[in-house]
Every structure is written in structure tokens, then in C-alpha cells.
C-alpha atoms as a PDB file:
ATOM      1  CA  MET A   1     -12.780 -16.836  54.056  1.00  0.00           C
ATOM      2  CA  MET A   2      -9.875 -14.973  52.414  1.00  0.00           C
ATOM      3  CA  ARG A   3      -8.342 -18.259  51.227  1.00  0.00           C
ATOM      4  CA  HIS A   4     -11.652 -19.335  49.698  1.00  0.00           C
ATOM      5  CA  TRP A   5     -11.975 -16.003  47.850  1.00  0.00           C
ATOM      6  CA  LEU A   6      -8.418 -16.283  46.525  1.00  0.00           C
ATOM      7  CA  ALA A   7      -9.058 -19.836  45.328  1.00  0.00           C
ATOM      8  CA  VAL A   8     -12.184 -18.737  43.440  1.00  0.00           C
ATOM      9  CA  LEU A   9     -10.281 -15.809  41.899  1.00  0.00           C
ATOM     10  CA  LEU A  10      -7.427 -18.027  40.739  1.00  0.00           C
ATOM     11  CA  LEU A  11      -9.849 -20.504  39.175  1.00  0.00           C
ATOM     12  CA  THR A  12     -11.639 -17.678  37.379  1.00  0.00           C
ATOM     13  CA  LEU A  13      -8.397 -16.185  36.064  1.00  0.00           C
ATOM     14  CA  SER A  14      -7.251 -19.625  34.950  1.00  0.00           C
ATOM     15  CA  ALA A  15     -10.497 -20.230  33.050  1.00  0.00           C
ATOM     16  CA  GLN A  16     -10.212 -16.835  31.368  1.00  0.00           C
ATOM     17  CA  ALA A  17      -6.572 -17.466  30.461  1.00  0.00           C
ATOM     18  CA  TRP A  18      -7.479 -20.705  28.703  1.00  0.00           C
ATOM     19  CA  ALA A  19     -10.648 -19.480  26.975  1.00  0.00           C
ATOM     20  CA  VAL A  20     -10.588 -21.038  23.494  1.00  0.00           C
ATOM     21  CA  GLU A  21     -11.018 -18.599  20.623  1.00  0.00           C
ATOM     22  CA  ARG A  22      -8.989 -20.076  17.745  1.00  0.00           C
ATOM     23  CA  VAL A  23      -9.284 -23.771  16.874  1.00  0.00           C
ATOM     24  CA  VAL A  24      -7.565 -25.814  14.173  1.00  0.00           C
ATOM     25  CA  SER A  25      -9.220 -29.138  13.316  1.00  0.00           C
ATOM     26  CA  LEU A  26      -7.079 -31.883  11.825  1.00  0.00           C
ATOM     27  CA  ALA A  27      -9.852 -34.213  10.632  1.00  0.00           C
ATOM     28  CA  PRO A  28     -13.134 -33.713   8.729  1.00  0.00           C
ATOM     29  CA  SER A  29     -15.004 -35.578  11.482  1.00  0.00           C
ATOM     30  CA  LEU A  30     -13.703 -33.165  14.123  1.00  0.00           C
ATOM     31  CA  SER A  31     -14.623 -30.188  11.931  1.00  0.00           C
ATOM     32  CA  GLU A  32     -18.142 -31.622  11.665  1.00  0.00           C
ATOM     33  CA  ILE A  33     -18.373 -31.916  15.451  1.00  0.00           C
ATOM     34  CA  MET A  34     -17.435 -28.242  15.733  1.00  0.00           C
ATOM     35  CA  VAL A  35     -20.297 -27.360  13.376  1.00  0.00           C
ATOM     36  CA  GLU A  36     -22.720 -29.639  15.229  1.00  0.00           C
ATOM     37  CA  LEU A  37     -21.828 -27.901  18.490  1.00  0.00           C
ATOM     38  CA  GLY A  38     -22.552 -24.501  16.964  1.00  0.00           C
ATOM     39  CA  ALA A  39     -18.862 -23.623  17.248  1.00  0.00           C
ATOM     40  CA  ALA A  40     -17.899 -23.175  13.589  1.00  0.00           C
ATOM     41  CA  ASP A  41     -17.106 -19.544  14.403  1.00  0.00           C
ATOM     42  CA  LEU A  42     -14.092 -20.709  16.439  1.00  0.00           C
ATOM     43  CA  LEU A  43     -12.480 -22.642  13.577  1.00  0.00           C
ATOM     44  CA  VAL A  44      -9.571 -20.825  11.951  1.00  0.00           C
ATOM     45  CA  GLY A  45      -8.047 -23.804  10.132  1.00  0.00           C
ATOM     46  CA  VAL A  46      -9.079 -27.250   8.879  1.00  0.00           C
ATOM     47  CA  LEU A  47      -7.374 -30.233   7.298  1.00  0.00           C
ATOM     48  CA  GLU A  48      -8.877 -31.094   3.906  1.00  0.00           C
ATOM     49  CA  GLY A  49     -10.620 -34.413   3.414  1.00  0.00           C
ATOM     50  CA  GLY A  50     -13.634 -34.497   1.128  1.00  0.00           C
ATOM     51  CA  GLU A  51     -16.441 -31.999   0.808  1.00  0.00           C
ATOM     52  CA  ARG A  52     -16.646 -29.368   3.553  1.00  0.00           C
ATOM     53  CA  PRO A  53     -19.806 -28.357   5.421  1.00  0.00           C
ATOM     54  CA  PRO A  54     -21.097 -25.028   3.988  1.00  0.00           C
ATOM     55  CA  GLU A  55     -20.342 -23.307   7.295  1.00  0.00           C
ATOM     56  CA  LEU A  56     -16.626 -23.942   6.760  1.00  0.00           C
ATOM     57  CA  ALA A  57     -16.338 -22.886   3.111  1.00  0.00           C
ATOM     58  CA  ARG A  58     -14.033 -19.954   3.898  1.00  0.00           C
ATOM     59  CA  VAL A  59     -11.957 -21.458   6.690  1.00  0.00           C
ATOM     60  CA  THR A  60      -8.227 -21.606   5.918  1.00  0.00           C
ATOM     61  CA  SER A  61      -6.810 -24.957   4.796  1.00  0.00           C
ATOM     62  CA  VAL A  62      -3.798 -26.328   6.672  1.00  0.00           C
ATOM     63  CA  GLY A  63      -3.145 -29.165   4.248  1.00  0.00           C
ATOM     64  CA  HIS A  64      -4.445 -32.645   3.440  1.00  0.00           C
ATOM     65  CA  TYR A  65      -4.316 -36.050   5.135  1.00  0.00           C
ATOM     66  CA  GLY A  66      -0.683 -36.870   5.798  1.00  0.00           C
ATOM     67  CA  GLN A  67       0.429 -33.484   4.398  1.00  0.00           C
ATOM     68  CA  LEU A  68       0.025 -30.952   7.195  1.00  0.00           C
ATOM     69  CA  ASP A  69       1.333 -27.459   6.418  1.00  0.00           C
ATOM     70  CA  MET A  70       2.901 -26.752   9.798  1.00  0.00           C
ATOM     71  CA  GLU A  71       3.991 -23.227   8.891  1.00  0.00           C
ATOM     72  CA  ARG A  72       0.463 -22.226   7.914  1.00  0.00           C
ATOM     73  CA  LEU A  73      -0.971 -23.846  11.038  1.00  0.00           C
ATOM     74  CA  LEU A  74       1.384 -21.821  13.237  1.00  0.00           C
ATOM     75  CA  SER A  75       0.533 -18.611  11.369  1.00  0.00           C
ATOM     76  CA  LEU A  76      -3.101 -19.046  12.492  1.00  0.00           C
ATOM     77  CA  LYS A  77      -2.035 -18.861  16.171  1.00  0.00           C
ATOM     78  CA  PRO A  78      -4.459 -21.545  17.431  1.00  0.00           C
ATOM     79  CA  ASP A  79      -5.111 -21.959  21.136  1.00  0.00           C
ATOM     80  CA  LEU A  80      -6.519 -25.473  20.613  1.00  0.00           C
ATOM     81  CA  ILE A  81      -5.752 -28.196  18.084  1.00  0.00           C
ATOM     82  CA  LEU A  82      -8.168 -31.079  17.532  1.00  0.00           C
ATOM     83  CA  LEU A  83      -6.218 -34.093  16.315  1.00  0.00           C
ATOM     84  CA  TRP A  84      -7.222 -37.403  14.754  1.00  0.00           C
ATOM     85  CA  PRO A  85      -3.957 -39.394  15.124  1.00  0.00           C
ATOM     86  CA  GLY A  86      -4.094 -40.942  11.657  1.00  0.00           C
ATOM     87  CA  SER A  87      -4.493 -37.587   9.914  1.00  0.00           C
ATOM     88  CA  VAL A  88      -0.817 -36.640  10.191  1.00  0.00           C
ATOM     89  CA  GLY A  89       2.417 -38.616  10.212  1.00  0.00           C
ATOM     90  CA  PRO A  90       4.232 -39.672  13.411  1.00  0.00           C
ATOM     91  CA  SER A  91       6.948 -36.982  13.159  1.00  0.00           C
ATOM     92  CA  GLN A  92       4.402 -34.191  12.767  1.00  0.00           C
ATOM     93  CA  ARG A  93       2.336 -35.573  15.640  1.00  0.00           C
ATOM     94  CA  GLU A  94       5.421 -35.333  17.834  1.00  0.00           C
ATOM     95  CA  GLN A  95       6.046 -31.819  16.570  1.00  0.00           C
ATOM     96  CA  LEU A  96       2.499 -30.786  17.455  1.00  0.00           C
ATOM     97  CA  GLN A  97       2.951 -32.086  20.974  1.00  0.00           C
ATOM     98  CA  ARG A  98       6.065 -29.891  21.373  1.00  0.00           C
ATOM     99  CA  LEU A  99       4.382 -26.651  20.290  1.00  0.00           C
ATOM    100  CA  ASN A 100       3.054 -25.759  23.734  1.00  0.00           C
ATOM    101  CA  ILE A 101      -0.433 -25.490  22.223  1.00  0.00           C
ATOM    102  CA  PRO A 102      -3.211 -27.568  23.832  1.00  0.00           C
ATOM    103  CA  VAL A 103      -3.954 -30.643  21.678  1.00  0.00           C
ATOM    104  CA  TYR A 104      -7.106 -32.714  22.107  1.00  0.00           C
ATOM    105  CA  VAL A 105      -6.678 -36.200  20.599  1.00  0.00           C
ATOM    106  CA  ALA A 106      -9.867 -37.899  19.442  1.00  0.00           C
ATOM    107  CA  GLU A 107      -9.972 -41.467  18.154  1.00  0.00           C
ATOM    108  CA  PRO A 108     -13.206 -43.121  19.291  1.00  0.00           C
ATOM    109  CA  HIS A 109     -13.349 -46.906  18.976  1.00  0.00           C
ATOM    110  CA  SER A 110     -17.025 -47.154  19.949  1.00  0.00           C
ATOM    111  CA  LEU A 111     -20.161 -45.065  19.642  1.00  0.00           C
ATOM    112  CA  GLU A 112     -20.169 -44.475  23.388  1.00  0.00           C
ATOM    113  CA  GLN A 113     -16.637 -43.098  23.146  1.00  0.00           C
ATOM    114  CA  LEU A 114     -17.820 -40.840  20.321  1.00  0.00           C
ATOM    115  CA  THR A 115     -20.611 -39.316  22.404  1.00  0.00           C
ATOM    116  CA  THR A 116     -18.225 -38.899  25.337  1.00  0.00           C
ATOM    117  CA  GLN A 117     -15.707 -37.134  23.105  1.00  0.00           C
ATOM    118  CA  VAL A 118     -18.396 -34.811  21.745  1.00  0.00           C
ATOM    119  CA  GLN A 119     -18.993 -33.695  25.331  1.00  0.00           C
ATOM    120  CA  ALA A 120     -15.264 -33.404  26.034  1.00  0.00           C
ATOM    121  CA  ILE A 121     -14.667 -31.224  22.961  1.00  0.00           C
ATOM    122  CA  ALA A 122     -17.578 -28.988  23.961  1.00  0.00           C
ATOM    123  CA  GLU A 123     -16.047 -28.571  27.407  1.00  0.00           C
ATOM    124  CA  GLN A 124     -12.705 -27.625  25.826  1.00  0.00           C
ATOM    125  CA  LEU A 125     -14.547 -24.897  23.919  1.00  0.00           C
ATOM    126  CA  GLY A 126     -16.413 -23.598  26.942  1.00  0.00           C
ATOM    127  CA  ARG A 127     -19.728 -24.840  25.482  1.00  0.00           C
ATOM    128  CA  ALA A 128     -20.403 -27.717  27.854  1.00  0.00           C
ATOM    129  CA  GLU A 129     -24.195 -27.426  27.737  1.00  0.00           C
ATOM    130  CA  ALA A 130     -24.259 -27.726  23.937  1.00  0.00           C
ATOM    131  CA  GLY A 131     -22.101 -30.844  24.294  1.00  0.00           C
ATOM    132  CA  ARG A 132     -24.411 -32.420  26.868  1.00  0.00           C
ATOM    133  CA  GLN A 133     -27.452 -31.767  24.697  1.00  0.00           C
ATOM    134  CA  LEU A 134     -25.895 -33.158  21.531  1.00  0.00           C
ATOM    135  CA  ALA A 135     -24.521 -36.236  23.315  1.00  0.00           C
ATOM    136  CA  ALA A 136     -27.932 -36.911  24.878  1.00  0.00           C
ATOM    137  CA  GLN A 137     -29.632 -36.665  21.472  1.00  0.00           C
ATOM    138  CA  LEU A 138     -27.122 -39.061  19.922  1.00  0.00           C
ATOM    139  CA  ARG A 139     -27.482 -41.586  22.745  1.00  0.00           C
ATOM    140  CA  GLN A 140     -31.274 -41.487  22.495  1.00  0.00           C
ATOM    141  CA  ARG A 141     -31.196 -42.058  18.731  1.00  0.00           C
ATOM    142  CA  LEU A 142     -28.751 -44.955  19.126  1.00  0.00           C
ATOM    143  CA  ALA A 143     -30.997 -46.534  21.772  1.00  0.00           C
ATOM    144  CA  GLU A 144     -33.953 -46.299  19.368  1.00  0.00           C
ATOM    145  CA  LEU A 145     -31.967 -47.979  16.592  1.00  0.00           C
ATOM    146  CA  ARG A 146     -30.725 -50.756  18.888  1.00  0.00           C
ATOM    147  CA  GLN A 147     -34.269 -51.494  19.995  1.00  0.00           C
ATOM    148  CA  ARG A 148     -35.630 -51.517  16.449  1.00  0.00           C
ATOM    149  CA  TYR A 149     -32.920 -53.725  14.928  1.00  0.00           C
ATOM    150  CA  GLN A 150     -32.051 -56.062  17.786  1.00  0.00           C
ATOM    151  CA  ARG A 151     -31.832 -59.745  16.910  1.00  0.00           C
ATOM    152  CA  ALA A 152     -31.534 -62.890  18.982  1.00  0.00           C
ATOM    153  CA  GLN A 153     -28.821 -64.033  16.561  1.00  0.00           C
ATOM    154  CA  PRO A 154     -26.802 -61.194  14.956  1.00  0.00           C
ATOM    155  CA  LEU A 155     -26.391 -61.164  11.192  1.00  0.00           C
ATOM    156  CA  ARG A 156     -22.870 -62.037  10.058  1.00  0.00           C
ATOM    157  CA  VAL A 157     -21.532 -59.069   8.074  1.00  0.00           C
ATOM    158  CA  PHE A 158     -18.353 -58.514   6.080  1.00  0.00           C
ATOM    159  CA  TYR A 159     -17.527 -54.796   5.789  1.00  0.00           C
ATOM    160  CA  GLN A 160     -15.237 -54.180   2.826  1.00  0.00           C
ATOM    161  CA  VAL A 161     -12.990 -51.127   2.936  1.00  0.00           C
ATOM    162  CA  TRP A 162     -11.142 -51.813  -0.332  1.00  0.00           C
ATOM    163  CA  ASN A 163     -11.000 -54.595  -2.890  1.00  0.00           C
ATOM    164  CA  GLN A 164      -7.500 -54.562  -4.466  1.00  0.00           C
ATOM    165  CA  PRO A 165      -6.164 -55.864  -2.162  1.00  0.00           C
ATOM    166  CA  LEU A 166      -9.094 -56.810   0.039  1.00  0.00           C
ATOM    167  CA  TYR A 167      -9.297 -54.842   3.298  1.00  0.00           C
ATOM    168  CA  THR A 168     -11.859 -54.843   6.095  1.00  0.00           C
ATOM    169  CA  VAL A 169     -12.200 -53.345   9.598  1.00  0.00           C
ATOM    170  CA  GLY A 170     -11.003 -55.000  12.782  1.00  0.00           C
ATOM    171  CA  GLY A 171     -12.939 -55.472  15.986  1.00  0.00           C
ATOM    172  CA  GLY A 172     -11.556 -52.325  17.620  1.00  0.00           C
ATOM    173  CA  GLN A 173     -12.932 -50.019  14.941  1.00  0.00           C
ATOM    174  CA  ILE A 174     -15.985 -47.835  15.569  1.00  0.00           C
ATOM    175  CA  ILE A 175     -17.622 -49.267  12.424  1.00  0.00           C
ATOM    176  CA  SER A 176     -17.464 -52.716  13.979  1.00  0.00           C
ATOM    177  CA  ASP A 177     -19.309 -51.364  17.032  1.00  0.00           C
ATOM    178  CA  ALA A 178     -21.776 -49.547  14.780  1.00  0.00           C
ATOM    179  CA  LEU A 179     -22.759 -52.800  13.060  1.00  0.00           C
ATOM    180  CA  SER A 180     -23.977 -54.142  16.402  1.00  0.00           C
ATOM    181  CA  VAL A 181     -26.550 -51.333  16.536  1.00  0.00           C
ATOM    182  CA  CYS A 182     -28.055 -52.789  13.353  1.00  0.00           C
ATOM    183  CA  GLY A 183     -28.297 -56.262  14.882  1.00  0.00           C
ATOM    184  CA  ALA A 184     -25.179 -57.388  13.018  1.00  0.00           C
ATOM    185  CA  ARG A 185     -21.675 -58.655  13.813  1.00  0.00           C
ATOM    186  CA  ASN A 186     -18.432 -58.001  11.985  1.00  0.00           C
ATOM    187  CA  VAL A 187     -17.186 -61.441  10.891  1.00  0.00           C
ATOM    188  CA  PHE A 188     -13.609 -60.233  11.415  1.00  0.00           C
ATOM    189  CA  ASP A 189     -14.204 -58.698  14.840  1.00  0.00           C
ATOM    190  CA  ASP A 190     -11.517 -60.975  16.289  1.00  0.00           C
ATOM    191  CA  LEU A 191      -8.776 -59.164  14.345  1.00  0.00           C
ATOM    192  CA  LYS A 192      -6.965 -56.416  16.263  1.00  0.00           C
ATOM    193  CA  LEU A 193      -5.568 -54.370  13.369  1.00  0.00           C
ATOM    194  CA  PRO A 194      -7.693 -51.312  12.462  1.00  0.00           C
ATOM    195  CA  ALA A 195      -7.824 -52.247   8.751  1.00  0.00           C
ATOM    196  CA  PRO A 196      -6.546 -55.806   8.232  1.00  0.00           C
ATOM    197  CA  GLN A 197      -5.942 -57.264   4.806  1.00  0.00           C
ATOM    198  CA  VAL A 198      -7.906 -60.483   4.256  1.00  0.00           C
ATOM    199  CA  SER A 199      -8.334 -63.044   1.485  1.00  0.00           C
ATOM    200  CA  ILE A 200     -11.394 -64.127  -0.435  1.00  0.00           C
ATOM    201  CA  GLU A 201     -10.839 -67.591   1.027  1.00  0.00           C
ATOM    202  CA  SER A 202     -11.059 -66.250   4.585  1.00  0.00           C
ATOM    203  CA  VAL A 203     -14.268 -64.390   3.703  1.00  0.00           C
ATOM    204  CA  LEU A 204     -15.714 -67.600   2.276  1.00  0.00           C
ATOM    205  CA  GLN A 205     -14.696 -69.470   5.418  1.00  0.00           C
ATOM    206  CA  ARG A 206     -16.500 -66.984   7.670  1.00  0.00           C
ATOM    207  CA  ASP A 207     -19.604 -67.166   5.477  1.00  0.00           C
ATOM    208  CA  PRO A 208     -21.093 -63.661   5.874  1.00  0.00           C
ATOM    209  CA  GLU A 209     -24.817 -63.253   5.337  1.00  0.00           C
ATOM    210  CA  VAL A 210     -24.301 -59.667   4.158  1.00  0.00           C
ATOM    211  CA  ILE A 211     -21.317 -58.117   2.361  1.00  0.00           C
ATOM    212  CA  LEU A 212     -21.102 -54.313   2.553  1.00  0.00           C
ATOM    213  CA  VAL A 213     -19.123 -52.430  -0.108  1.00  0.00           C
ATOM    214  CA  GLY A 214     -18.410 -48.766  -0.752  1.00  0.00           C
ATOM    215  CA  ASP A 215     -19.292 -48.281  -4.428  1.00  0.00           C
ATOM    216  CA  GLN A 216     -20.671 -49.876  -7.574  1.00  0.00           C
ATOM    217  CA  ALA A 217     -17.243 -50.970  -8.841  1.00  0.00           C
ATOM    218  CA  GLN A 218     -16.633 -52.956  -5.657  1.00  0.00           C
ATOM    219  CA  MET A 219     -20.128 -54.364  -5.950  1.00  0.00           C
ATOM    220  CA  ASP A 220     -19.513 -55.507  -9.534  1.00  0.00           C
ATOM    221  CA  ALA A 221     -16.263 -57.228  -8.522  1.00  0.00           C
ATOM    222  CA  TRP A 222     -18.249 -59.747  -6.468  1.00  0.00           C
ATOM    223  CA  SER A 223     -20.130 -60.947  -9.567  1.00  0.00           C
ATOM    224  CA  THR A 224     -17.313 -63.453 -10.152  1.00  0.00           C
ATOM    225  CA  TRP A 225     -18.426 -65.235  -6.969  1.00  0.00           C
ATOM    226  CA  PRO A 226     -22.014 -66.340  -7.755  1.00  0.00           C
ATOM    227  CA  MET A 227     -22.641 -67.771  -4.286  1.00  0.00           C
ATOM    228  CA  LEU A 228     -21.701 -64.442  -2.614  1.00  0.00           C
ATOM    229  CA  ALA A 229     -22.925 -61.858  -5.152  1.00  0.00           C
ATOM    230  CA  PRO A 230     -26.585 -61.923  -3.932  1.00  0.00           C
ATOM    231  CA  ARG A 231     -25.399 -60.992  -0.433  1.00  0.00           C
ATOM    232  CA  VAL A 232     -23.575 -57.819  -1.546  1.00  0.00           C
ATOM    233  CA  ARG A 233     -25.086 -54.433  -0.669  1.00  0.00           C
ATOM    234  CA  GLN A 234     -23.724 -50.944  -1.068  1.00  0.00           C
ATOM    235  CA  VAL A 235     -23.180 -48.719   1.967  1.00  0.00           C
ATOM    236  CA  PRO A 236     -25.586 -45.820   1.329  1.00  0.00           C
ATOM    237  CA  ASP A 237     -23.672 -43.063   3.076  1.00  0.00           C
ATOM    238  CA  LYS A 238     -19.906 -42.484   3.450  1.00  0.00           C
ATOM    239  CA  GLY A 239     -20.677 -40.497   6.597  1.00  0.00           C
ATOM    240  CA  LEU A 240     -20.434 -43.800   8.447  1.00  0.00           C
ATOM    241  CA  GLU A 241     -16.643 -43.515   8.128  1.00  0.00           C
ATOM    242  CA  ARG A 242     -16.495 -40.046   9.755  1.00  0.00           C
ATOM    243  CA  PRO A 243     -17.055 -40.326  13.521  1.00  0.00           C
ATOM    244  CA  SER A 244     -19.130 -37.236  14.274  1.00  0.00           C
ATOM    245  CA  GLY A 245     -22.778 -36.647  15.144  1.00  0.00           C
ATOM    246  CA  GLN A 246     -23.897 -37.171  11.542  1.00  0.00           C
ATOM    247  CA  MET A 247     -22.541 -40.726  11.739  1.00  0.00           C
ATOM    248  CA  VAL A 248     -25.622 -41.784  13.710  1.00  0.00           C
ATOM    249  CA  GLU A 249     -28.044 -40.950  10.890  1.00  0.00           C
ATOM    250  CA  ALA A 250     -25.647 -42.512   8.372  1.00  0.00           C
ATOM    251  CA  LEU A 251     -25.825 -45.611  10.564  1.00  0.00           C
ATOM    252  CA  ALA A 252     -29.629 -45.486  10.543  1.00  0.00           C
ATOM    253  CA  ARG A 253     -29.538 -45.645   6.745  1.00  0.00           C
ATOM    254  CA  LEU A 254     -27.089 -48.552   6.896  1.00  0.00           C
ATOM    255  CA  CYS A 255     -29.397 -50.461   9.246  1.00  0.00           C
ATOM    256  CA  GLN A 256     -32.168 -50.149   6.638  1.00  0.00           C
ATOM    257  CA  VAL A 257     -29.848 -51.642   4.016  1.00  0.00           C
ATOM    258  CA  ILE A 258     -28.812 -54.525   6.263  1.00  0.00           C
ATOM    259  CA  SER A 259     -32.322 -55.265   7.572  1.00  0.00           C
ATOM    260  CA  PRO A 260     -34.836 -53.693   5.150  1.00  0.00           C
ATOM    261  CA  ASP A 261     -37.774 -55.586   6.676  1.00  0.00           C
ATOM    262  CA  GLN A 262     -37.377 -54.238  10.209  1.00  0.00           C
END
């Protein structure tokens, strides 16, 4: 009985010792997840990357992508760092790992991994129930979209990241998985690199039925290829490229662009 009581006490003290109160987020997507979990109050520092959610307007900046201000980060005395590996360089990633501060690394390659990581982050914060609820909502919405847009034969889609030079997403990217929700298939899903460079000739060879681009300038560039220009459509929401809860509704809007009749 005494041993059991001591074990419970030690577990309780351990949980209290690791209670998270000060979080630094090193990616806009991870900052968004904090907001979606109702945990914006725990954020003391964020890495810049586009427009911030209103809830984070006054949170201290710790730098930009690839330019982490390590001194400022340390001055905030975080007890948890949320890290997207690509947001900082290799040497600073190694430095973060040596700081003796808990680091949670998040890089989901599928929508299921995203929902799992939402739950895991919530557990790190001591807000497990909020994580379970949000993950359940996201999974339900994804199931609805899959059912609505399912096809016997997926649409062949080329997702353009950049045009000079021409870049796309590989099969291991979460965007590639997201296209399947819309009843589509990334025509370069056999490539392993996250953002492979491709040629116009290879795009022609794979004969996509839909070409997705990020802005009007990229859309206009396809006008020199009359046979492909009618297939080009603009991605309606950049939120698709930030893996957080909002990505699911950004995906819903993309599905409407890919399959407007469904």
C-alpha cells in the first residue's frame, strides 16, 4: 500500500514539475495549432512567417524562417519548444537539442499524422481533452470530404510550388496526401524529394488533368502552352501549405476548385 502511495506521489510531482507554462513556436502552423487548442495564452515567442492570427499580435518574435534569434529565444525562458525542422538551419536545430529544454518536433507527412500531432501537442500542454476534441472534429470533416469527392479513377493533378524553375511536391508531402481527399492524385507522387524540381517536358509526359498554381502570375505563365492552359486553376487558399487545423477547410475549398460539380 505504501509503495503504491509513493508511486502515485512521484507521478504527481513529476507532472507538476513538467507543467508547461511558456511555449515558443518555431512555425506559423504550430502557432495556429496552439490557437486552435485554446492555448494561445501559453505562447511567449513565435517565429515569423506571414500574417499572424489576431490572438498572437503581441507575442514576442524570435526571428524569421532560417533566421532564429537564439539569444531572444533563451531570454523568454521557454519550458517547451515546438519545432518544424525546416524552419531553422541544421546547426541551430542541433543547438536547440542541446539546450536541455523539451523540444517537440512536428513534421506531418499525412493528414492522419497531422491529427495525431494535434493530440500530442495538446498532451504536452496538459490540455489532452481539447486535443482529442479537435482531432475528432478534423477527422470527421476529412471523412465527409473523402465521401463527397471520391472517384473510381482519381484525377491526375500537377501541384506547382514555383515556376522559375518549376517545382512541385513529392509523394511524401502532406499536400500530396491532401489531394487524395479531393479524389485526385499527385502526378509526381513517385518522387521522394519533398519539393523536386521538374521540367515542362516531364509535366507534359504525365499529362495532368488539372494544374494547380499559387497565384495569377503563375497562371499566366501557362498561357504559352495552349494545350495545358485550360487545365490550370489557382489554389484558393494558402492555408493548404500550413499543416494545422485550418488546413482542412482550406482543403475543402481546394476540392471545390478541382471538382466544382461534386
